[in-house]
Amino acid sequence: MEVKPTIYIETTIPSFLTAGPSNNLIVAGKQETPRQWWEQRKEKYGLFVSQLVIDEAAKGDAAAARRRLEIVEGISSLEIDAEVVRVTGKIMESGVIPLKAATDAGHIAVASRHGMDYLMTWNCTHIANAEILGRMSYLVSEAGYWLPIVCTPDELFGAEENEG
């Protein structure tokens, strides 16, 4: 049996996958990339979410929430246990992520605690942010875990296109 690399899918991914088309070219690109990745690459990975993703996906407009929840339906959910809570607390105590974004710290903690290979997100404010990833890696390692590779969908389009 093939062992697939694992990805924790953070809430921005189903949000961008299901959002209506944007007139803003940058946003439209951010919508198209995960759609292409989802169609072409997702089968190459073991996908995971957590209750944090499910809870966030369920918020807001009912029709939009239903579409987001359909995307994550059937994806294995990682447990939010005492260790996840502890690691989230360590991240929040550091001040590297503001209190209003505690859920973002939770996503990082879940993915780290459960040994994910990747954490895929379009959240470049508090998660895929080069200015904080070094500190985040240190905090997670001090808590006894490894920070997964934090990436956006365009960073996981694989090497086979370059093989030859």
N, C-alpha and C. Protein backbone atom coordinates (compact mmCIF):
# COMPACT_ATOMS: atom_id res chain seq x y z
N MET A 1 0.84 -1.19 0.00
CA MET A 1 0.00 0.00 0.00
C MET A 1 0.87 1.25 0.00
N GLU A 2 0.56 2.16 -0.89
CA GLU A 2 1.31 3.40 -1.02
C GLU A 2 1.01 4.33 0.17
N VAL A 3 2.06 4.86 0.75
CA VAL A 3 1.90 5.85 1.81
C VAL A 3 1.95 7.23 1.15
N LYS A 4 0.86 7.95 1.30
CA LYS A 4 0.76 9.28 0.69
C LYS A 4 1.20 10.34 1.69
N PRO A 5 1.83 11.41 1.20
CA PRO A 5 2.10 12.54 2.09
C PRO A 5 0.77 13.10 2.62
N THR A 6 0.80 13.63 3.82
CA THR A 6 -0.43 14.11 4.46
C THR A 6 -0.51 15.63 4.42
N ILE A 7 -1.74 16.11 4.25
CA ILE A 7 -1.99 17.56 4.22
C ILE A 7 -3.15 17.89 5.14
N TYR A 8 -2.91 18.86 6.01
CA TYR A 8 -3.99 19.46 6.79
C TYR A 8 -4.54 20.60 5.95
N ILE A 9 -5.82 20.51 5.61
CA ILE A 9 -6.48 21.50 4.78
C ILE A 9 -7.12 22.55 5.69
N GLU A 10 -6.56 23.75 5.72
CA GLU A 10 -7.08 24.83 6.56
C GLU A 10 -8.30 25.44 5.85
N THR A 11 -9.13 26.13 6.59
CA THR A 11 -10.44 26.58 6.13
C THR A 11 -10.42 27.46 4.89
N THR A 12 -9.37 28.21 4.66
CA THR A 12 -9.36 29.08 3.49
C THR A 12 -9.42 28.28 2.19
N ILE A 13 -8.97 27.04 2.21
CA ILE A 13 -8.97 26.24 0.98
C ILE A 13 -10.41 25.91 0.54
N PRO A 14 -11.25 25.31 1.40
CA PRO A 14 -12.64 25.13 0.95
C PRO A 14 -13.36 26.44 0.69
N SER A 15 -12.97 27.50 1.37
CA SER A 15 -13.59 28.81 1.12
C SER A 15 -13.29 29.30 -0.29
N PHE A 16 -12.02 29.22 -0.70
CA PHE A 16 -11.67 29.65 -2.05
C PHE A 16 -12.21 28.70 -3.11
N LEU A 17 -12.29 27.40 -2.78
CA LEU A 17 -12.81 26.42 -3.73
C LEU A 17 -14.27 26.66 -4.08
N THR A 18 -15.02 27.17 -3.13
CA THR A 18 -16.47 27.28 -3.31
C THR A 18 -16.96 28.71 -3.54
N ALA A 19 -16.08 29.68 -3.45
CA ALA A 19 -16.50 31.08 -3.61
C ALA A 19 -16.88 31.36 -5.06
N GLY A 20 -17.80 32.29 -5.22
CA GLY A 20 -18.18 32.73 -6.56
C GLY A 20 -17.01 33.43 -7.22
N PRO A 21 -17.00 33.49 -8.54
CA PRO A 21 -15.89 34.12 -9.24
C PRO A 21 -15.71 35.59 -8.85
N SER A 22 -14.46 35.98 -8.70
CA SER A 22 -14.14 37.35 -8.31
C SER A 22 -13.73 38.16 -9.53
N ASN A 23 -14.06 39.45 -9.51
CA ASN A 23 -13.61 40.36 -10.56
C ASN A 23 -12.19 40.85 -10.30
N ASN A 24 -11.72 40.68 -9.06
CA ASN A 24 -10.36 41.05 -8.70
C ASN A 24 -9.42 39.97 -9.23
N LEU A 25 -8.48 40.34 -10.08
CA LEU A 25 -7.61 39.34 -10.72
C LEU A 25 -6.78 38.55 -9.73
N ILE A 26 -6.31 39.18 -8.67
CA ILE A 26 -5.51 38.47 -7.67
C ILE A 26 -6.37 37.43 -6.96
N VAL A 27 -7.55 37.83 -6.53
CA VAL A 27 -8.46 36.90 -5.85
C VAL A 27 -8.89 35.80 -6.81
N ALA A 28 -9.17 36.15 -8.06
CA ALA A 28 -9.57 35.14 -9.05
C ALA A 28 -8.47 34.09 -9.22
N GLY A 29 -7.22 34.51 -9.22
CA GLY A 29 -6.10 33.58 -9.29
C GLY A 29 -6.03 32.68 -8.07
N LYS A 30 -6.28 33.28 -6.91
CA LYS A 30 -6.27 32.51 -5.67
C LYS A 30 -7.44 31.52 -5.62
N GLN A 31 -8.48 31.78 -6.38
CA GLN A 31 -9.61 30.84 -6.46
C GLN A 31 -9.29 29.73 -7.45
N GLU A 32 -8.67 30.07 -8.56
CA GLU A 32 -8.41 29.09 -9.62
C GLU A 32 -7.35 28.07 -9.21
N THR A 33 -6.30 28.52 -8.54
CA THR A 33 -5.22 27.62 -8.17
C THR A 33 -5.70 26.45 -7.32
N PRO A 34 -6.45 26.67 -6.23
CA PRO A 34 -6.90 25.50 -5.46
C PRO A 34 -7.88 24.63 -6.25
N ARG A 35 -8.65 25.22 -7.15
CA ARG A 35 -9.57 24.41 -7.98
C ARG A 35 -8.77 23.45 -8.86
N GLN A 36 -7.73 23.97 -9.50
CA GLN A 36 -6.89 23.11 -10.34
C GLN A 36 -6.20 22.05 -9.49
N TRP A 37 -5.67 22.47 -8.34
CA TRP A 37 -4.99 21.52 -7.46
C TRP A 37 -5.96 20.43 -7.02
N TRP A 38 -7.16 20.82 -6.63
CA TRP A 38 -8.17 19.88 -6.15
C TRP A 38 -8.50 18.85 -7.24
N GLU A 39 -8.62 19.31 -8.47
CA GLU A 39 -8.95 18.42 -9.59
C GLU A 39 -7.77 17.53 -9.99
N GLN A 40 -6.57 18.08 -9.96
CA GLN A 40 -5.42 17.38 -10.53
C GLN A 40 -4.51 16.69 -9.53
N ARG A 41 -4.49 17.13 -8.27
CA ARG A 41 -3.46 16.67 -7.35
C ARG A 41 -3.94 16.05 -6.04
N LYS A 42 -5.16 16.31 -5.64
CA LYS A 42 -5.58 15.92 -4.28
C LYS A 42 -5.48 14.42 -4.04
N GLU A 43 -5.65 13.60 -5.07
CA GLU A 43 -5.60 12.15 -4.89
C GLU A 43 -4.20 11.65 -4.53
N LYS A 44 -3.21 12.48 -4.72
CA LYS A 44 -1.83 12.09 -4.41
C LYS A 44 -1.49 12.26 -2.93
N TYR A 45 -2.45 12.77 -2.16
CA TYR A 45 -2.20 13.09 -0.75
C TYR A 45 -3.28 12.51 0.15
N GLY A 46 -2.92 12.31 1.41
CA GLY A 46 -3.91 12.02 2.43
C GLY A 46 -4.38 13.34 3.00
N LEU A 47 -5.66 13.64 2.86
CA LEU A 47 -6.20 14.92 3.30
C LEU A 47 -6.82 14.82 4.68
N PHE A 48 -6.63 15.87 5.47
CA PHE A 48 -7.16 15.92 6.82
C PHE A 48 -7.66 17.32 7.14
N VAL A 49 -8.66 17.39 8.00
CA VAL A 49 -9.17 18.64 8.55
C VAL A 49 -9.28 18.43 10.06
N SER A 50 -9.90 19.38 10.74
CA SER A 50 -10.21 19.23 12.16
C SER A 50 -11.57 19.87 12.40
N GLN A 51 -12.04 19.74 13.61
CA GLN A 51 -13.31 20.38 13.97
C GLN A 51 -13.22 21.90 13.81
N LEU A 52 -12.02 22.45 13.95
CA LEU A 52 -11.84 23.90 13.74
C LEU A 52 -12.23 24.27 12.32
N VAL A 53 -11.81 23.48 11.35
CA VAL A 53 -12.15 23.74 9.94
C VAL A 53 -13.65 23.60 9.74
N ILE A 54 -14.22 22.55 10.28
CA ILE A 54 -15.66 22.31 10.13
C ILE A 54 -16.46 23.46 10.74
N ASP A 55 -16.06 23.89 11.94
CA ASP A 55 -16.76 25.00 12.60
C ASP A 55 -16.65 26.30 11.80
N GLU A 56 -15.46 26.61 11.30
CA GLU A 56 -15.29 27.83 10.51
C GLU A 56 -16.06 27.73 9.19
N ALA A 57 -16.02 26.58 8.56
CA ALA A 57 -16.70 26.39 7.27
C ALA A 57 -18.21 26.55 7.42
N ALA A 58 -18.73 26.24 8.60
CA ALA A 58 -20.18 26.29 8.83
C ALA A 58 -20.69 27.71 9.09
N LYS A 59 -19.80 28.66 9.26
CA LYS A 59 -20.21 30.04 9.58
C LYS A 59 -20.61 30.81 8.32
N GLY A 60 -21.38 31.87 8.55
CA GLY A 60 -21.72 32.79 7.47
C GLY A 60 -22.96 32.38 6.70
N ASP A 61 -23.03 32.85 5.48
CA ASP A 61 -24.16 32.58 4.59
C ASP A 61 -24.43 31.08 4.52
N ALA A 62 -25.69 30.69 4.70
CA ALA A 62 -26.06 29.28 4.78
C ALA A 62 -25.70 28.51 3.50
N ALA A 63 -25.95 29.08 2.34
CA ALA A 63 -25.66 28.39 1.08
C ALA A 63 -24.14 28.23 0.90
N ALA A 64 -23.41 29.28 1.21
CA ALA A 64 -21.95 29.21 1.10
C ALA A 64 -21.38 28.21 2.10
N ALA A 65 -21.91 28.21 3.32
CA ALA A 65 -21.47 27.26 4.35
C ALA A 65 -21.73 25.84 3.89
N ARG A 66 -22.88 25.59 3.30
CA ARG A 66 -23.22 24.25 2.82
C ARG A 66 -22.20 23.79 1.76
N ARG A 67 -21.83 24.68 0.84
CA ARG A 67 -20.84 24.33 -0.19
C ARG A 67 -19.47 24.02 0.44
N ARG A 68 -19.06 24.84 1.41
CA ARG A 68 -17.77 24.59 2.09
C ARG A 68 -17.80 23.25 2.82
N LEU A 69 -18.91 22.98 3.51
CA LEU A 69 -19.01 21.72 4.26
C LEU A 69 -19.04 20.51 3.33
N GLU A 70 -19.60 20.67 2.15
CA GLU A 70 -19.58 19.57 1.17
C GLU A 70 -18.16 19.24 0.75
N ILE A 71 -17.31 20.25 0.63
CA ILE A 71 -15.91 20.03 0.26
C ILE A 71 -15.20 19.20 1.31
N VAL A 72 -15.42 19.51 2.60
CA VAL A 72 -14.69 18.80 3.66
C VAL A 72 -15.37 17.50 4.09
N GLU A 73 -16.59 17.28 3.63
CA GLU A 73 -17.29 16.04 3.98
C GLU A 73 -16.49 14.84 3.47
N GLY A 74 -16.32 13.88 4.34
CA GLY A 74 -15.59 12.67 3.96
C GLY A 74 -14.09 12.77 4.16
N ILE A 75 -13.56 13.95 4.48
CA ILE A 75 -12.14 14.09 4.77
C ILE A 75 -11.94 13.75 6.24
N SER A 76 -10.94 12.94 6.53
CA SER A 76 -10.68 12.53 7.92
C SER A 76 -10.43 13.74 8.80
N SER A 77 -11.00 13.70 10.01
CA SER A 77 -10.86 14.81 10.95
C SER A 77 -9.90 14.42 12.07
N LEU A 78 -8.92 15.28 12.31
CA LEU A 78 -7.93 15.06 13.36
C LEU A 78 -8.49 15.53 14.70
N GLU A 79 -8.16 14.79 15.72
CA GLU A 79 -8.67 15.08 17.07
C GLU A 79 -8.03 16.34 17.66
N ILE A 80 -8.87 17.11 18.33
CA ILE A 80 -8.39 18.24 19.12
C ILE A 80 -8.31 17.74 20.55
N ASP A 81 -7.13 17.29 20.93
CA ASP A 81 -6.93 16.69 22.25
C ASP A 81 -6.19 17.67 23.17
N ALA A 82 -5.83 17.19 24.35
CA ALA A 82 -5.15 18.05 25.33
C ALA A 82 -3.83 18.58 24.79
N GLU A 83 -3.13 17.80 23.98
CA GLU A 83 -1.87 18.25 23.41
C GLU A 83 -2.08 19.39 22.42
N VAL A 84 -3.13 19.30 21.61
CA VAL A 84 -3.43 20.39 20.68
C VAL A 84 -3.73 21.66 21.47
N VAL A 85 -4.50 21.53 22.52
CA VAL A 85 -4.83 22.69 23.36
C VAL A 85 -3.56 23.27 23.99
N ARG A 86 -2.66 22.40 24.45
CA ARG A 86 -1.41 22.86 25.06
C ARG A 86 -0.55 23.61 24.05
N VAL A 87 -0.38 23.04 22.86
CA VAL A 87 0.45 23.68 21.84
C VAL A 87 -0.18 25.00 21.39
N THR A 88 -1.50 25.02 21.24
CA THR A 88 -2.19 26.27 20.89
C THR A 88 -1.91 27.32 21.95
N GLY A 89 -1.97 26.93 23.22
CA GLY A 89 -1.69 27.84 24.32
C GLY A 89 -0.28 28.40 24.26
N LYS A 90 0.70 27.55 23.95
CA LYS A 90 2.09 28.00 23.83
C LYS A 90 2.23 29.05 22.72
N ILE A 91 1.57 28.78 21.59
CA ILE A 91 1.63 29.73 20.48
C ILE A 91 1.00 31.06 20.89
N MET A 92 -0.16 30.98 21.51
CA MET A 92 -0.87 32.21 21.90
C MET A 92 -0.12 32.98 22.98
N GLU A 93 0.50 32.28 23.92
CA GLU A 93 1.28 32.96 24.97
C GLU A 93 2.44 33.74 24.39
N SER A 94 2.97 33.29 23.26
CA SER A 94 4.13 33.96 22.65
C SER A 94 3.77 35.31 22.05
N GLY A 95 2.50 35.50 21.70
CA GLY A 95 2.07 36.74 21.07
C GLY A 95 2.33 36.79 19.57
N VAL A 96 2.87 35.72 18.99
CA VAL A 96 3.17 35.71 17.55
C VAL A 96 1.89 35.77 16.72
N ILE A 97 0.79 35.27 17.27
CA ILE A 97 -0.52 35.35 16.63
C ILE A 97 -1.44 36.12 17.58
N PRO A 98 -2.16 37.11 17.06
CA PRO A 98 -3.04 37.89 17.95
C PRO A 98 -4.22 37.08 18.47
N LEU A 99 -4.74 37.51 19.61
CA LEU A 99 -5.85 36.82 20.25
C LEU A 99 -7.03 36.59 19.31
N LYS A 100 -7.33 37.59 18.46
CA LYS A 100 -8.48 37.46 17.55
C LYS A 100 -8.28 36.34 16.53
N ALA A 101 -7.05 35.86 16.37
CA ALA A 101 -6.76 34.80 15.40
C ALA A 101 -6.35 33.49 16.08
N ALA A 102 -6.87 33.25 17.28
CA ALA A 102 -6.51 32.05 18.04
C ALA A 102 -6.81 30.77 17.26
N THR A 103 -7.83 30.78 16.43
CA THR A 103 -8.14 29.59 15.63
C THR A 103 -6.99 29.26 14.68
N ASP A 104 -6.31 30.29 14.18
CA ASP A 104 -5.16 30.04 13.31
C ASP A 104 -4.06 29.30 14.07
N ALA A 105 -3.84 29.67 15.32
CA ALA A 105 -2.88 28.95 16.16
C ALA A 105 -3.35 27.51 16.35
N GLY A 106 -4.65 27.34 16.48
CA GLY A 106 -5.21 25.99 16.62
C GLY A 106 -4.95 25.13 15.39
N HIS A 107 -5.09 25.71 14.20
CA HIS A 107 -4.80 24.95 12.97
C HIS A 107 -3.34 24.49 12.96
N ILE A 108 -2.45 25.39 13.32
CA ILE A 108 -1.02 25.05 13.35
C ILE A 108 -0.77 23.95 14.37
N ALA A 109 -1.39 24.08 15.53
CA ALA A 109 -1.21 23.08 16.59
C ALA A 109 -1.74 21.71 16.18
N VAL A 110 -2.92 21.67 15.58
CA VAL A 110 -3.50 20.39 15.14
C VAL A 110 -2.58 19.72 14.12
N ALA A 111 -2.17 20.47 13.11
CA ALA A 111 -1.34 19.90 12.06
C ALA A 111 0.00 19.42 12.61
N SER A 112 0.57 20.17 13.54
CA SER A 112 1.86 19.80 14.13
C SER A 112 1.70 18.59 15.04
N ARG A 113 0.74 18.64 15.91
CA ARG A 113 0.50 17.56 16.87
C ARG A 113 0.29 16.22 16.18
N HIS A 114 -0.39 16.23 15.04
CA HIS A 114 -0.72 14.99 14.34
C HIS A 114 0.28 14.65 13.23
N GLY A 115 1.40 15.36 13.20
CA GLY A 115 2.49 14.99 12.30
C GLY A 115 2.20 15.12 10.83
N MET A 116 1.39 16.11 10.46
CA MET A 116 1.11 16.32 9.04
C MET A 116 2.38 16.72 8.29
N ASP A 117 2.49 16.30 7.05
CA ASP A 117 3.62 16.71 6.23
C ASP A 117 3.47 18.16 5.78
N TYR A 118 2.22 18.55 5.47
CA TYR A 118 1.94 19.89 4.97
C TYR A 118 0.73 20.49 5.67
N LEU A 119 0.71 21.81 5.74
CA LEU A 119 -0.47 22.56 6.14
C LEU A 119 -0.75 23.50 4.97
N MET A 120 -1.87 23.24 4.26
CA MET A 120 -2.21 24.05 3.09
C MET A 120 -3.19 25.13 3.47
N THR A 121 -2.88 26.36 3.08
CA THR A 121 -3.70 27.51 3.45
C THR A 121 -3.54 28.63 2.44
N TRP A 122 -4.53 29.51 2.40
CA TRP A 122 -4.38 30.79 1.72
C TRP A 122 -4.32 31.91 2.76
N ASN A 123 -4.24 31.56 4.04
CA ASN A 123 -4.12 32.56 5.10
C ASN A 123 -2.65 32.97 5.21
N CYS A 124 -2.32 34.06 4.55
CA CYS A 124 -0.94 34.54 4.55
C CYS A 124 -0.72 35.63 5.60
N THR A 125 -1.72 35.88 6.42
CA THR A 125 -1.58 36.85 7.50
C THR A 125 -0.99 36.20 8.74
N HIS A 126 -1.58 35.09 9.17
CA HIS A 126 -1.15 34.46 10.42
C HIS A 126 -0.61 33.04 10.27
N ILE A 127 -0.69 32.45 9.08
CA ILE A 127 -0.22 31.07 8.94
C ILE A 127 0.91 31.00 7.91
N ALA A 128 0.63 31.19 6.64
CA ALA A 128 1.67 31.14 5.60
C ALA A 128 2.33 32.51 5.51
N ASN A 129 3.01 32.90 6.56
CA ASN A 129 3.60 34.23 6.66
C ASN A 129 5.08 34.06 7.00
N ALA A 130 5.94 34.39 6.05
CA ALA A 130 7.38 34.20 6.23
C ALA A 130 7.92 34.94 7.45
N GLU A 131 7.29 36.04 7.83
CA GLU A 131 7.78 36.81 8.96
C GLU A 131 7.56 36.11 10.30
N ILE A 132 6.60 35.19 10.36
CA ILE A 132 6.35 34.51 11.64
C ILE A 132 6.69 33.03 11.62
N LEU A 133 6.94 32.44 10.45
CA LEU A 133 7.15 30.99 10.39
C LEU A 133 8.37 30.52 11.16
N GLY A 134 9.43 31.31 11.18
CA GLY A 134 10.61 30.93 11.96
C GLY A 134 10.28 30.83 13.44
N ARG A 135 9.60 31.84 13.95
CA ARG A 135 9.20 31.82 15.37
C ARG A 135 8.21 30.68 15.63
N MET A 136 7.31 30.46 14.68
CA MET A 136 6.32 29.40 14.83
C MET A 136 7.01 28.04 14.89
N SER A 137 7.99 27.82 14.03
CA SER A 137 8.73 26.57 14.02
C SER A 137 9.42 26.35 15.37
N TYR A 138 10.01 27.39 15.90
CA TYR A 138 10.67 27.29 17.20
C TYR A 138 9.66 26.95 18.29
N LEU A 139 8.52 27.64 18.32
CA LEU A 139 7.51 27.40 19.34
C LEU A 139 6.98 25.97 19.29
N VAL A 140 6.71 25.50 18.09
CA VAL A 140 6.19 24.15 17.92
C VAL A 140 7.24 23.12 18.35
N SER A 141 8.50 23.36 17.98
CA SER A 141 9.55 22.41 18.38
C SER A 141 9.77 22.43 19.89
N GLU A 142 9.66 23.59 20.50
CA GLU A 142 9.76 23.68 21.96
C GLU A 142 8.63 22.91 22.64
N ALA A 143 7.50 22.81 21.98
CA ALA A 143 6.37 22.04 22.51
C ALA A 143 6.50 20.55 22.22
N GLY A 144 7.53 20.17 21.46
CA GLY A 144 7.80 18.76 21.22
C GLY A 144 7.34 18.22 19.87
N TYR A 145 7.07 19.09 18.93
CA TYR A 145 6.58 18.66 17.62
C TYR A 145 7.33 19.36 16.51
N TRP A 146 7.08 18.93 15.26
CA TRP A 146 7.64 19.58 14.08
C TRP A 146 6.55 20.37 13.39
N LEU A 147 6.88 21.55 12.94
CA LEU A 147 5.95 22.35 12.15
C LEU A 147 5.89 21.74 10.75
N PRO A 148 4.68 21.42 10.26
CA PRO A 148 4.59 20.93 8.89
C PRO A 148 5.07 22.00 7.92
N ILE A 149 5.32 21.60 6.69
CA ILE A 149 5.63 22.58 5.66
C ILE A 149 4.34 23.36 5.41
N VAL A 150 4.38 24.64 5.66
CA VAL A 150 3.21 25.51 5.48
C VAL A 150 3.28 26.04 4.05
N CYS A 151 2.21 25.83 3.30
CA CYS A 151 2.25 26.20 1.89
C CYS A 151 0.87 26.61 1.38
N THR A 152 0.89 27.28 0.24
CA THR A 152 -0.32 27.62 -0.48
C THR A 152 -0.51 26.55 -1.57
N PRO A 153 -1.70 26.46 -2.16
CA PRO A 153 -1.93 25.42 -3.17
C PRO A 153 -0.95 25.48 -4.34
N ASP A 154 -0.53 26.66 -4.74
CA ASP A 154 0.37 26.75 -5.89
C ASP A 154 1.75 26.18 -5.59
N GLU A 155 2.08 25.99 -4.33
CA GLU A 155 3.38 25.43 -3.96
C GLU A 155 3.36 23.90 -3.93
N LEU A 156 2.21 23.30 -4.16
CA LEU A 156 2.11 21.84 -4.13
C LEU A 156 1.65 21.27 -5.48
N PHE A 157 2.16 21.85 -6.54
CA PHE A 157 1.82 21.31 -7.86
C PHE A 157 2.82 20.28 -8.33
N GLY A 158 3.65 19.76 -7.44
CA GLY A 158 4.42 18.57 -7.69
C GLY A 158 5.56 18.70 -8.68
N ALA A 159 6.45 17.73 -8.57
CA ALA A 159 7.65 17.72 -9.37
C ALA A 159 7.48 16.99 -10.69
N GLU A 160 6.44 16.16 -10.83
CA GLU A 160 6.37 15.36 -12.06
C GLU A 160 6.26 16.22 -13.30
N GLU A 161 5.73 17.43 -13.17
CA GLU A 161 5.69 18.32 -14.33
C GLU A 161 7.11 18.70 -14.76
N ASN A 162 8.05 18.63 -13.80
CA ASN A 162 9.44 19.01 -14.08
C ASN A 162 10.33 17.80 -14.37
N GLU A 163 9.80 16.59 -14.26
CA GLU A 163 10.58 15.38 -14.49
C GLU A 163 10.71 15.15 -15.98
N GLY A 164 11.77 14.51 -16.37
CA GLY A 164 11.85 14.19 -17.78
C GLY A 164 13.18 13.93 -18.27
